[in-house]
Amino acid sequence: MTNFYLAISVFLLAHIIPAYKPLRNGLADLMGERPFLVAYGTLSTVLMIWLFWAYFDAPYVELWAFEEWMRWVPLIIMPISCILITTGLGSPNPLSISFISVEKFDEQHPGIVALSSHPAIWGLFLWSASHVIPNGDLAAVLMFSLLSLLGLYGPVSLNMKRKHRLGNDEWQRINVVVKQAPISVKDIGFGKIVLGLVVYGILLYFHGAVIGVEPVIL
């Protein structure tokens, strides 16, 4: 378990230390904002790969026994998780993470942002949290619990960062406006919702081959 404990400790520190504003701002000033984000994103990806590799290599230490009903927790929650991730990353959002330029954001028609300021983060939280219950071994509980806690901290951290970037008054104004905006499947994007369900189907289909555990027993 040594490698796993080391991986989980480094992964946690890599997400806690940059939250210290003077250090984060100093690195961003030294490297430039975009190079800093690229470097940090690359580091996070590498550490995530290490964490999962260490998890799969860790010995099985049972904390609670698996029961058949437990498999239904992620089966039911994961479609919601995938939809939140695809609609969140696929929609412009000045309040959180997104793959789409914020210049395309329409505060009168914010789409999924009207439902949640951080849809992708909450989607990732649901993914990790839903996997705690059916995985009752020590390594899985530690890893998925850690990722769940980071998912809960994510919106708090992003709110502070966006307040600093936009200014408190502008951040509050956008939050008020988007929460009052209408929300519909059309606004969210039917294609993004379908994409989320497709991603869910792909994860379900390849889960057994990649992870080694069949989520559905037919």
Protein backbone atom coordinates (compact mmCIF):
# COMPACT_ATOMS: atom_id res chain seq x y z
CA MET A 1 0.00 0.00 0.00
CA THR A 2 3.04 2.29 0.26
CA ASN A 3 2.85 3.41 -3.36
CA PHE A 4 -0.88 4.07 -3.02
CA TYR A 5 -0.47 6.10 0.18
CA LEU A 6 2.30 8.11 -1.48
CA ALA A 7 0.23 8.71 -4.62
CA ILE A 8 -2.84 9.83 -2.68
CA SER A 9 -0.72 12.13 -0.46
CA VAL A 10 1.04 13.81 -3.40
CA PHE A 11 -2.25 14.13 -5.30
CA LEU A 12 -3.87 15.80 -2.28
CA LEU A 13 -0.93 18.17 -1.70
CA ALA A 14 -0.91 19.13 -5.38
CA HIS A 15 -4.49 20.35 -4.99
CA ILE A 16 -4.10 21.98 -1.57
CA ILE A 17 -0.82 23.89 -2.00
CA PRO A 18 -1.88 25.87 -5.12
CA ALA A 19 -4.96 27.02 -3.20
CA TYR A 20 -2.57 29.20 -1.17
CA LYS A 21 -3.04 32.49 -2.99
CA PRO A 22 0.44 34.04 -2.61
CA LEU A 23 2.06 30.88 -3.97
CA ARG A 24 -0.44 30.42 -6.77
CA ASN A 25 -0.27 34.08 -7.84
CA GLY A 26 3.54 34.07 -7.60
CA LEU A 27 3.83 31.04 -9.89
CA ALA A 28 1.29 32.51 -12.32
CA ASP A 29 3.21 35.81 -12.44
CA LEU A 30 6.50 33.99 -12.95
CA MET A 31 5.28 31.59 -15.65
CA GLY A 32 2.38 33.53 -17.12
CA GLU A 33 -1.26 32.65 -16.41
CA ARG A 34 -1.86 30.33 -19.36
CA PRO A 35 1.46 28.42 -19.12
CA PHE A 36 0.78 27.99 -15.40
CA LEU A 37 -2.69 26.54 -16.07
CA VAL A 38 -1.31 24.22 -18.76
CA ALA A 39 1.51 23.06 -16.47
CA TYR A 40 -0.84 22.53 -13.54
CA GLY A 41 -3.35 20.69 -15.71
CA THR A 42 -0.60 18.42 -17.03
CA LEU A 43 0.69 17.75 -13.51
CA SER A 44 -2.84 16.94 -12.28
CA THR A 45 -3.35 14.50 -15.16
CA VAL A 46 -0.05 12.74 -14.46
CA LEU A 47 -0.84 12.49 -10.76
CA MET A 48 -4.34 11.18 -11.51
CA ILE A 49 -2.86 8.44 -13.69
CA TRP A 50 -0.39 7.56 -10.93
CA LEU A 51 -3.22 7.50 -8.36
CA PHE A 52 -5.34 5.11 -10.42
CA TRP A 53 -2.34 2.89 -11.22
CA ALA A 54 -1.45 2.72 -7.53
CA TYR A 55 -5.09 2.00 -6.68
CA PHE A 56 -5.29 -0.97 -9.06
CA ASP A 57 -2.00 -2.25 -7.67
CA ALA A 58 -3.04 -1.90 -4.02
CA PRO A 59 -3.96 -5.01 -1.99
CA TYR A 60 -7.62 -5.71 -1.27
CA VAL A 61 -8.50 -4.87 2.34
CA GLU A 62 -12.23 -5.30 2.88
CA LEU A 63 -14.10 -2.77 5.02
CA TRP A 64 -17.59 -3.97 4.13
CA ALA A 65 -18.93 -6.78 1.96
CA PHE A 66 -20.51 -6.08 -1.41
CA GLU A 67 -24.27 -6.56 -1.65
CA GLU A 68 -26.23 -6.79 -4.88
CA TRP A 69 -28.25 -3.57 -4.30
CA MET A 70 -25.04 -1.54 -4.13
CA ARG A 71 -24.37 -1.84 -7.88
CA TRP A 72 -27.54 0.19 -8.52
CA VAL A 73 -26.16 3.30 -6.80
CA PRO A 74 -23.66 4.20 -9.59
CA LEU A 75 -25.92 2.71 -12.28
CA ILE A 76 -28.64 5.22 -11.37
CA ILE A 77 -26.42 8.21 -10.55
CA MET A 78 -23.87 7.94 -13.37
CA PRO A 79 -26.25 9.03 -16.20
CA ILE A 80 -26.86 12.27 -14.26
CA SER A 81 -23.13 12.62 -13.66
CA CYS A 82 -22.29 12.19 -17.35
CA ILE A 83 -24.96 14.67 -18.45
CA LEU A 84 -23.73 17.29 -15.97
CA ILE A 85 -20.16 16.82 -17.20
CA THR A 86 -20.95 17.00 -20.94
CA THR A 87 -23.39 19.92 -20.61
CA GLY A 88 -21.08 21.70 -18.16
CA LEU A 89 -17.88 21.38 -20.18
CA GLY A 90 -19.79 22.03 -23.41
CA SER A 91 -21.37 25.29 -22.29
CA PRO A 92 -19.66 28.69 -21.91
CA ASN A 93 -19.48 29.54 -18.23
CA PRO A 94 -17.68 32.51 -16.65
CA LEU A 95 -18.34 31.05 -13.19
CA SER A 96 -16.65 27.67 -13.57
CA ILE A 97 -14.65 25.31 -15.80
CA SER A 98 -15.67 24.84 -19.44
CA PHE A 99 -14.16 23.90 -22.80
CA ILE A 100 -16.12 26.69 -24.53
CA SER A 101 -14.94 30.30 -24.75
CA VAL A 102 -16.56 32.55 -22.17
CA GLU A 103 -17.07 35.10 -24.96
CA LYS A 104 -19.96 32.93 -26.18
CA PHE A 105 -21.73 33.10 -22.82
CA ASP A 106 -25.27 34.56 -22.96
CA GLU A 107 -26.40 35.42 -19.44
CA GLN A 108 -30.02 35.63 -20.61
CA HIS A 109 -29.80 32.06 -21.94
CA PRO A 110 -27.09 30.43 -19.79
CA GLY A 111 -28.27 26.87 -20.36
CA ILE A 112 -27.10 24.42 -17.69
CA VAL A 113 -25.49 27.30 -15.76
CA ALA A 114 -29.01 28.40 -14.77
CA LEU A 115 -29.35 25.10 -12.92
CA SER A 116 -25.87 25.06 -11.39
CA SER A 117 -22.85 27.36 -11.48
CA HIS A 118 -20.53 24.34 -11.46
CA PRO A 119 -22.27 21.51 -13.36
CA ALA A 120 -19.11 19.68 -14.44
CA ILE A 121 -17.64 19.74 -10.93
CA TRP A 122 -20.87 18.38 -9.44
CA GLY A 123 -20.91 15.72 -12.15
CA LEU A 124 -17.42 14.60 -11.14
CA PHE A 125 -18.49 14.62 -7.48
CA LEU A 126 -21.46 12.37 -8.25
CA TRP A 127 -19.16 10.00 -10.16
CA SER A 128 -16.73 9.60 -7.25
CA ALA A 129 -19.34 9.60 -4.47
CA SER A 130 -21.52 7.00 -6.19
CA HIS A 131 -18.55 4.62 -6.38
CA VAL A 132 -17.83 4.64 -2.64
CA ILE A 133 -20.78 2.43 -1.64
CA PRO A 134 -20.22 -0.55 -3.98
CA ASN A 135 -16.45 -0.52 -3.43
CA GLY A 136 -15.96 -1.47 0.19
CA ASP A 137 -12.20 -2.01 0.16
CA LEU A 138 -9.76 0.35 1.88
CA ALA A 139 -8.02 1.65 -1.26
CA ALA A 140 -11.28 2.37 -3.10
CA VAL A 141 -12.87 4.09 -0.10
CA LEU A 142 -9.82 6.29 0.39
CA MET A 143 -9.52 7.21 -3.30
CA PHE A 144 -13.19 7.85 -4.06
CA SER A 145 -13.70 9.66 -0.75
CA LEU A 146 -10.72 11.92 -1.49
CA LEU A 147 -12.05 12.70 -4.96
CA SER A 148 -15.50 13.36 -3.49
CA LEU A 149 -14.08 15.80 -0.94
CA LEU A 150 -12.15 17.58 -3.70
CA GLY A 151 -15.42 17.70 -5.66
CA LEU A 152 -17.11 19.42 -2.74
CA TYR A 153 -14.20 21.84 -2.33
CA GLY A 154 -14.07 22.60 -6.06
CA PRO A 155 -17.07 24.97 -6.19
CA VAL A 156 -15.82 26.82 -3.10
CA SER A 157 -12.35 27.27 -4.60
CA LEU A 158 -13.70 28.28 -8.03
CA ASN A 159 -16.08 30.81 -6.48
CA MET A 160 -13.15 32.51 -4.75
CA LYS A 161 -11.09 32.52 -7.96
CA ARG A 162 -13.92 33.86 -10.12
CA LYS A 163 -14.73 36.56 -7.56
CA HIS A 164 -11.11 37.67 -7.75
CA ARG A 165 -11.08 37.58 -11.57
CA LEU A 166 -14.48 39.20 -12.21
CA GLY A 167 -14.74 41.37 -9.13
CA ASN A 168 -17.22 40.62 -6.35
CA ASP A 169 -20.00 42.87 -7.71
CA GLU A 170 -19.84 41.42 -11.24
CA TRP A 171 -19.67 37.87 -9.90
CA GLN A 172 -22.76 38.42 -7.76
CA ARG A 173 -24.61 40.12 -10.63
CA ILE A 174 -23.99 37.20 -13.00
CA ASN A 175 -25.11 34.72 -10.35
CA VAL A 176 -28.37 36.59 -9.81
CA VAL A 177 -29.09 36.98 -13.53
CA VAL A 178 -28.43 33.34 -14.48
CA LYS A 179 -30.53 32.01 -11.60
CA GLN A 180 -33.48 34.06 -12.89
CA ALA A 181 -33.03 32.91 -16.49
CA PRO A 182 -35.40 30.30 -17.96
CA ILE A 183 -34.10 26.77 -18.31
CA SER A 184 -35.20 24.16 -20.80
CA VAL A 185 -33.80 21.20 -22.71
CA LYS A 186 -33.38 23.51 -25.70
CA ASP A 187 -31.36 26.02 -23.64
CA ILE A 188 -29.16 23.29 -22.16
CA GLY A 189 -28.68 21.66 -25.55
CA PHE A 190 -30.37 18.41 -26.53
CA GLY A 191 -27.18 17.24 -28.27
CA LYS A 192 -25.11 17.74 -25.09
CA ILE A 193 -27.61 15.69 -23.10
CA VAL A 194 -27.55 12.90 -25.68
CA LEU A 195 -23.73 13.03 -25.64
CA GLY A 196 -23.82 12.53 -21.88
CA LEU A 197 -25.99 9.43 -22.28
CA VAL A 198 -23.67 8.13 -25.02
CA VAL A 199 -20.67 8.62 -22.72
CA TYR A 200 -22.55 6.73 -20.01
CA GLY A 201 -23.25 3.89 -22.44
CA ILE A 202 -19.59 3.72 -23.46
CA LEU A 203 -18.43 3.66 -19.83
CA LEU A 204 -20.96 0.94 -19.07
CA TYR A 205 -19.94 -1.16 -22.07
CA PHE A 206 -16.18 -1.00 -21.47
CA HIS A 207 -16.25 -0.98 -17.66
CA GLY A 208 -15.73 -4.72 -17.33
CA ALA A 209 -12.90 -4.89 -19.86
CA VAL A 210 -11.02 -1.85 -18.54
CA ILE A 211 -11.77 -1.88 -14.79
CA GLY A 212 -12.28 -5.63 -14.40
CA VAL A 213 -15.72 -5.36 -12.82
CA GLU A 214 -18.99 -5.80 -14.71
CA PRO A 215 -21.47 -3.13 -13.50
CA VAL A 216 -24.43 -5.12 -14.84
CA ILE A 217 -24.84 -8.86 -14.50
CA LEU A 218 -27.19 -10.17 -17.19
